[in-house]
N, C-alpha and C. Protein backbone atom coordinates (compact mmCIF):
# COMPACT_ATOMS: atom_id res chain seq x y z
N UNK A 1 -17.23 50.84 -1.01
CA UNK A 1 -18.08 49.70 -1.20
C UNK A 1 -17.45 48.57 -0.38
N UNK A 2 -18.32 47.92 0.37
CA UNK A 2 -17.77 46.71 1.19
C UNK A 2 -18.30 45.43 0.59
N UNK A 3 -17.47 44.46 0.60
CA UNK A 3 -17.87 43.17 0.05
C UNK A 3 -17.53 42.08 1.16
N UNK A 4 -18.41 41.31 1.50
CA UNK A 4 -18.27 40.16 2.45
C UNK A 4 -18.33 38.84 1.72
N UNK A 5 -17.32 38.06 1.84
CA UNK A 5 -17.34 36.79 1.21
C UNK A 5 -17.29 35.68 2.22
N UNK A 6 -18.28 34.82 2.19
CA UNK A 6 -18.37 33.70 3.17
C UNK A 6 -17.75 32.44 2.45
N UNK A 7 -16.83 31.77 3.02
CA UNK A 7 -16.31 30.60 2.47
C UNK A 7 -16.68 29.49 3.38
N UNK A 8 -17.15 28.36 2.86
CA UNK A 8 -17.54 27.24 3.70
C UNK A 8 -16.22 26.23 3.82
N UNK A 9 -15.46 26.52 4.70
CA UNK A 9 -14.19 25.74 4.87
C UNK A 9 -14.55 24.30 5.23
N UNK A 10 -15.64 24.08 5.85
CA UNK A 10 -15.97 22.70 6.21
C UNK A 10 -16.23 21.84 4.95
N UNK A 11 -16.90 22.40 4.03
CA UNK A 11 -17.09 21.70 2.68
C UNK A 11 -15.67 21.39 2.09
N UNK A 12 -14.80 22.39 2.08
CA UNK A 12 -13.55 22.26 1.48
C UNK A 12 -12.80 21.09 2.21
N UNK A 13 -12.86 21.20 3.55
CA UNK A 13 -12.08 20.10 4.34
C UNK A 13 -12.71 18.71 4.07
N UNK A 14 -14.00 18.70 3.93
CA UNK A 14 -14.72 17.33 3.59
C UNK A 14 -14.27 16.84 2.22
N UNK A 15 -14.08 17.73 1.34
CA UNK A 15 -13.72 17.33 -0.06
C UNK A 15 -12.25 16.79 -0.01
N UNK A 16 -11.42 17.61 0.73
CA UNK A 16 -10.06 17.14 0.79
C UNK A 16 -9.91 15.85 1.54
N UNK A 17 -10.63 15.67 2.52
CA UNK A 17 -10.55 14.39 3.38
C UNK A 17 -10.99 13.26 2.51
N UNK A 18 -12.04 13.41 1.67
CA UNK A 18 -12.41 12.26 0.71
C UNK A 18 -11.29 11.98 -0.31
N UNK A 19 -10.64 13.00 -0.81
CA UNK A 19 -9.57 12.90 -1.77
C UNK A 19 -8.35 12.19 -1.03
N UNK A 20 -8.11 12.56 0.22
CA UNK A 20 -6.98 12.00 0.91
C UNK A 20 -7.22 10.48 1.14
N UNK A 21 -8.47 10.14 1.53
CA UNK A 21 -8.79 8.77 1.81
C UNK A 21 -8.73 7.94 0.63
N UNK A 22 -9.16 8.53 -0.46
CA UNK A 22 -9.25 7.77 -1.75
C UNK A 22 -7.65 7.50 -2.21
N UNK A 23 -6.93 8.62 -1.94
CA UNK A 23 -5.40 8.47 -2.26
C UNK A 23 -4.78 7.39 -1.36
N UNK A 24 -5.11 7.37 -0.18
CA UNK A 24 -4.55 6.26 0.71
C UNK A 24 -4.96 4.88 0.29
N UNK A 25 -6.28 4.76 -0.12
CA UNK A 25 -6.87 3.46 -0.67
C UNK A 25 -6.17 3.09 -1.88
N UNK A 26 -5.92 4.01 -2.81
CA UNK A 26 -5.36 3.77 -4.10
C UNK A 26 -3.81 3.43 -3.80
N UNK A 27 -3.09 4.09 -3.04
CA UNK A 27 -1.78 3.80 -2.74
C UNK A 27 -1.65 2.43 -2.10
N UNK A 28 -2.40 2.16 -1.18
CA UNK A 28 -2.37 0.81 -0.42
C UNK A 28 -2.60 -0.34 -1.42
N UNK A 29 -3.59 -0.15 -2.32
CA UNK A 29 -3.81 -1.21 -3.26
C UNK A 29 -2.57 -1.45 -4.24
N UNK A 30 -2.03 -0.28 -4.63
CA UNK A 30 -0.82 -0.36 -5.57
C UNK A 30 0.40 -0.98 -4.80
N UNK A 31 0.58 -0.66 -3.55
CA UNK A 31 1.72 -1.25 -2.80
C UNK A 31 1.46 -2.79 -2.71
N UNK A 32 0.27 -3.20 -2.30
CA UNK A 32 -0.01 -4.67 -2.22
C UNK A 32 0.32 -5.35 -3.56
N UNK A 33 -0.40 -4.80 -4.62
CA UNK A 33 -0.19 -5.37 -5.96
C UNK A 33 1.31 -5.47 -6.41
N UNK A 34 1.95 -4.32 -6.31
CA UNK A 34 3.40 -4.23 -6.71
C UNK A 34 4.36 -5.00 -5.87
N UNK A 35 3.95 -5.20 -4.65
CA UNK A 35 4.90 -5.90 -3.60
C UNK A 35 4.69 -7.48 -3.71
N UNK A 36 3.50 -7.84 -4.15
CA UNK A 36 3.18 -9.31 -4.27
C UNK A 36 4.24 -10.14 -4.82
N UNK A 37 4.90 -9.84 -5.97
CA UNK A 37 5.89 -10.65 -6.57
C UNK A 37 7.16 -10.82 -5.63
N UNK A 38 7.28 -10.04 -4.64
CA UNK A 38 8.47 -10.12 -3.73
C UNK A 38 8.19 -10.87 -2.49
N UNK A 39 6.85 -11.18 -2.25
CA UNK A 39 6.43 -11.86 -0.96
C UNK A 39 6.65 -13.32 -1.15
N UNK A 40 7.34 -13.97 -0.15
CA UNK A 40 7.54 -15.39 -0.18
C UNK A 40 6.21 -16.13 -0.03
N UNK A 41 6.19 -17.31 -0.68
CA UNK A 41 5.04 -18.13 -0.51
C UNK A 41 5.55 -19.61 -0.37
N UNK A 42 4.76 -20.49 0.22
CA UNK A 42 5.28 -21.82 0.46
C UNK A 42 4.47 -22.95 -0.22
N UNK A 43 3.30 -22.53 -0.85
CA UNK A 43 2.52 -23.60 -1.52
C UNK A 43 1.78 -23.06 -2.70
N UNK A 44 1.28 -23.92 -3.48
CA UNK A 44 0.58 -23.56 -4.74
C UNK A 44 -0.71 -22.89 -4.41
N UNK A 45 -1.26 -22.90 -3.33
CA UNK A 45 -2.62 -22.25 -2.93
C UNK A 45 -2.34 -20.78 -2.64
N UNK A 46 -1.11 -20.33 -2.72
CA UNK A 46 -0.84 -18.91 -2.41
C UNK A 46 -1.23 -18.38 -0.98
N UNK A 47 -1.21 -19.36 -0.02
CA UNK A 47 -1.72 -19.06 1.29
C UNK A 47 -0.56 -18.56 2.20
N UNK A 48 0.62 -18.57 1.77
CA UNK A 48 1.76 -18.20 2.58
C UNK A 48 2.06 -16.70 2.42
N UNK A 49 1.60 -15.87 3.34
CA UNK A 49 1.77 -14.47 3.28
C UNK A 49 1.11 -13.60 2.15
N UNK A 50 1.20 -14.16 0.93
CA UNK A 50 0.66 -13.37 -0.17
C UNK A 50 -0.69 -12.84 0.09
N UNK A 51 -1.53 -13.69 0.58
CA UNK A 51 -3.07 -13.31 0.73
C UNK A 51 -3.28 -12.66 2.10
N UNK A 52 -2.27 -12.45 2.90
CA UNK A 52 -2.53 -12.00 4.23
C UNK A 52 -2.55 -10.45 4.51
N UNK A 53 -2.11 -9.67 3.46
CA UNK A 53 -2.32 -8.19 3.71
C UNK A 53 -3.78 -7.76 3.72
N UNK A 54 -4.26 -7.43 4.90
CA UNK A 54 -5.69 -7.12 5.02
C UNK A 54 -6.00 -5.74 4.50
N UNK A 55 -6.96 -5.61 3.65
CA UNK A 55 -7.48 -4.32 3.29
C UNK A 55 -8.52 -3.82 4.36
N UNK A 56 -8.87 -4.63 5.24
CA UNK A 56 -9.70 -4.21 6.38
C UNK A 56 -9.04 -3.59 7.51
N UNK A 57 -7.69 -3.72 7.56
CA UNK A 57 -6.95 -3.10 8.65
C UNK A 57 -6.94 -1.62 8.47
N UNK A 58 -6.24 -0.91 9.36
CA UNK A 58 -5.93 0.55 9.26
C UNK A 58 -5.58 0.90 7.71
N UNK A 59 -6.23 1.97 7.29
CA UNK A 59 -5.99 2.26 5.84
C UNK A 59 -4.59 2.79 5.65
N UNK A 60 -3.84 3.12 6.66
CA UNK A 60 -2.54 3.72 6.47
C UNK A 60 -1.42 2.60 6.45
N UNK A 61 -1.78 1.39 6.65
CA UNK A 61 -0.91 0.27 6.80
C UNK A 61 -1.22 -0.91 5.96
N UNK A 62 -0.26 -1.59 5.51
CA UNK A 62 -0.34 -2.92 5.03
C UNK A 62 0.20 -3.90 6.05
N UNK A 63 -0.71 -4.76 6.44
CA UNK A 63 -0.38 -5.72 7.50
C UNK A 63 -0.34 -7.19 7.08
N UNK A 64 0.74 -7.86 7.21
CA UNK A 64 0.83 -9.25 6.94
C UNK A 64 0.52 -9.82 8.34
N UNK A 65 -0.56 -10.36 8.59
CA UNK A 65 -0.99 -10.66 9.98
C UNK A 65 -0.86 -12.21 10.26
N UNK A 66 0.30 -12.78 10.01
CA UNK A 66 0.45 -14.21 10.46
C UNK A 66 1.50 -14.08 11.55
N UNK A 67 1.61 -15.15 12.33
CA UNK A 67 2.51 -15.22 13.44
C UNK A 67 3.96 -15.18 12.95
N UNK A 68 4.22 -15.74 11.71
CA UNK A 68 5.52 -15.93 11.20
C UNK A 68 6.01 -14.86 10.25
N UNK A 69 5.12 -13.82 9.88
CA UNK A 69 5.48 -12.84 8.97
C UNK A 69 6.66 -11.98 9.37
N UNK A 70 6.77 -11.66 10.62
CA UNK A 70 7.84 -10.77 11.10
C UNK A 70 9.15 -11.55 10.98
N UNK A 71 9.11 -12.77 11.35
CA UNK A 71 10.35 -13.58 11.28
C UNK A 71 10.85 -13.69 9.92
N UNK A 72 9.95 -14.04 9.00
CA UNK A 72 10.45 -14.17 7.61
C UNK A 72 10.90 -12.76 7.03
N UNK A 73 10.22 -11.70 7.42
CA UNK A 73 10.59 -10.43 6.99
C UNK A 73 11.95 -10.00 7.38
N UNK A 74 12.27 -10.31 8.59
CA UNK A 74 13.59 -10.01 9.20
C UNK A 74 14.65 -11.01 8.83
N UNK A 75 14.19 -12.09 8.24
CA UNK A 75 15.17 -13.04 7.74
C UNK A 75 15.67 -14.01 8.82
N UNK A 76 15.02 -14.04 10.03
CA UNK A 76 15.61 -14.75 11.09
C UNK A 76 15.19 -16.22 11.10
N UNK A 77 14.15 -16.55 10.33
CA UNK A 77 13.62 -17.90 10.26
C UNK A 77 13.05 -18.14 8.96
N UNK A 78 12.95 -19.44 8.70
CA UNK A 78 12.23 -20.01 7.54
C UNK A 78 12.95 -19.83 6.24
N UNK A 79 13.23 -20.84 5.53
CA UNK A 79 13.66 -20.63 4.18
C UNK A 79 12.41 -20.82 3.28
N UNK A 80 12.55 -20.22 2.07
CA UNK A 80 11.22 -20.20 1.24
C UNK A 80 11.71 -20.54 -0.16
N UNK A 81 10.77 -21.09 -0.93
CA UNK A 81 11.01 -21.58 -2.23
C UNK A 81 10.70 -20.38 -3.19
N UNK A 82 11.61 -20.14 -4.22
CA UNK A 82 11.36 -19.11 -5.11
C UNK A 82 10.82 -19.58 -6.50
N UNK A 83 10.33 -20.87 -6.53
CA UNK A 83 9.80 -21.38 -7.76
C UNK A 83 8.58 -20.54 -8.18
N UNK A 84 7.71 -20.26 -7.27
CA UNK A 84 6.45 -19.54 -7.69
C UNK A 84 6.59 -18.06 -7.70
N UNK A 85 7.51 -17.51 -6.87
CA UNK A 85 7.78 -16.07 -6.89
C UNK A 85 9.24 -15.89 -6.95
N UNK A 86 9.81 -15.84 -8.12
CA UNK A 86 11.31 -15.77 -8.29
C UNK A 86 11.97 -14.53 -7.67
N UNK A 87 11.21 -13.47 -7.46
CA UNK A 87 11.73 -12.25 -6.87
C UNK A 87 11.59 -12.30 -5.34
N UNK A 88 10.92 -13.44 -4.76
CA UNK A 88 10.72 -13.54 -3.34
C UNK A 88 11.94 -13.14 -2.44
N UNK A 89 11.76 -12.38 -1.44
CA UNK A 89 12.93 -12.07 -0.60
C UNK A 89 12.47 -11.74 0.81
N UNK A 90 13.34 -11.65 1.74
CA UNK A 90 13.00 -11.08 3.05
C UNK A 90 13.00 -9.59 2.78
N UNK A 91 12.42 -8.90 3.62
CA UNK A 91 12.25 -7.45 3.51
C UNK A 91 11.59 -7.11 2.14
N UNK A 92 10.50 -7.76 1.72
CA UNK A 92 9.89 -7.63 0.46
C UNK A 92 9.39 -6.29 0.26
N UNK A 93 8.97 -5.47 1.19
CA UNK A 93 8.54 -4.14 0.96
C UNK A 93 9.70 -3.27 0.47
N UNK A 94 10.82 -3.43 1.03
CA UNK A 94 12.07 -2.57 0.60
C UNK A 94 12.40 -2.94 -0.85
N UNK A 95 12.33 -4.24 -1.13
CA UNK A 95 12.69 -4.62 -2.52
C UNK A 95 11.69 -3.95 -3.48
N UNK A 96 10.41 -4.01 -3.16
CA UNK A 96 9.37 -3.53 -4.05
C UNK A 96 9.48 -1.88 -4.07
N UNK A 97 9.74 -1.31 -3.01
CA UNK A 97 9.91 0.13 -2.87
C UNK A 97 11.01 0.60 -3.75
N UNK A 98 12.14 -0.09 -3.80
CA UNK A 98 13.24 0.25 -4.65
C UNK A 98 12.90 0.36 -6.10
N UNK A 99 11.99 -0.53 -6.51
CA UNK A 99 11.58 -0.50 -8.01
C UNK A 99 10.35 0.46 -8.24
N UNK A 100 9.40 0.51 -7.26
CA UNK A 100 8.16 1.17 -7.51
C UNK A 100 7.92 2.61 -6.88
N UNK A 101 8.74 3.02 -6.02
CA UNK A 101 8.56 4.22 -5.33
C UNK A 101 8.13 5.45 -6.15
N UNK A 102 8.79 5.68 -7.30
CA UNK A 102 8.50 6.70 -8.17
C UNK A 102 7.04 6.66 -8.74
N UNK A 103 6.70 5.42 -9.08
CA UNK A 103 5.30 5.24 -9.48
C UNK A 103 4.25 5.47 -8.40
N UNK A 104 4.61 5.03 -7.15
CA UNK A 104 3.66 5.40 -6.05
C UNK A 104 3.53 6.82 -5.71
N UNK A 105 4.61 7.55 -5.80
CA UNK A 105 4.60 8.98 -5.64
C UNK A 105 3.73 9.64 -6.66
N UNK A 106 3.98 9.25 -7.93
CA UNK A 106 3.15 9.74 -9.09
C UNK A 106 1.63 9.50 -8.89
N UNK A 107 1.38 8.30 -8.44
CA UNK A 107 -0.04 7.77 -8.22
C UNK A 107 -0.66 8.66 -7.17
N UNK A 108 0.04 8.99 -6.14
CA UNK A 108 -0.60 9.79 -5.09
C UNK A 108 -0.82 11.11 -5.64
N UNK A 109 0.13 11.75 -6.40
CA UNK A 109 -0.11 12.99 -6.85
C UNK A 109 -1.28 13.12 -7.77
N UNK A 110 -1.48 12.06 -8.53
CA UNK A 110 -2.70 12.02 -9.45
C UNK A 110 -4.01 11.91 -8.73
N UNK A 111 -4.02 11.23 -7.61
CA UNK A 111 -5.29 11.01 -6.82
C UNK A 111 -5.49 12.00 -5.76
N UNK A 112 -4.54 12.84 -5.35
CA UNK A 112 -4.80 13.75 -4.27
C UNK A 112 -4.46 15.19 -4.66
N UNK A 113 -5.49 16.02 -4.89
CA UNK A 113 -5.35 17.36 -5.07
C UNK A 113 -5.06 17.74 -6.49
N UNK A 114 -4.93 16.89 -7.37
CA UNK A 114 -4.63 17.23 -8.70
C UNK A 114 -5.79 16.80 -9.71
N UNK A 115 -6.89 16.52 -9.16
CA UNK A 115 -8.03 16.06 -10.10
C UNK A 115 -8.56 17.26 -10.79
N UNK A 116 -8.95 17.01 -12.04
CA UNK A 116 -9.64 18.04 -12.80
C UNK A 116 -11.09 18.08 -12.39
N UNK A 117 -11.50 19.26 -11.98
CA UNK A 117 -13.01 19.34 -11.48
C UNK A 117 -13.82 19.75 -12.66
């Protein structure tokens, strides 16, 4: 007896692609949220870097798109006040990652490929 099974791999790929994109979005939002306390700010309106990571940029990146973001991140210019963000530091992503990386890995595991169907 012969059995032929047709598998629609395109549907599987499409489903995995959606899960992957959702996972990237979820991770990006978590990175921005968890990193915010480490991002320097210069005024009470929270306009200094904190609000600049664009969700409209590439889904794989968090971009602080001001002219001075790189200089502050590398610590080469600008002093900043820690009164509003006591954890503020140069290389804010590294500081946040040291605290949050395990949670981010867990979050990706929960959103990509481990959903109950």
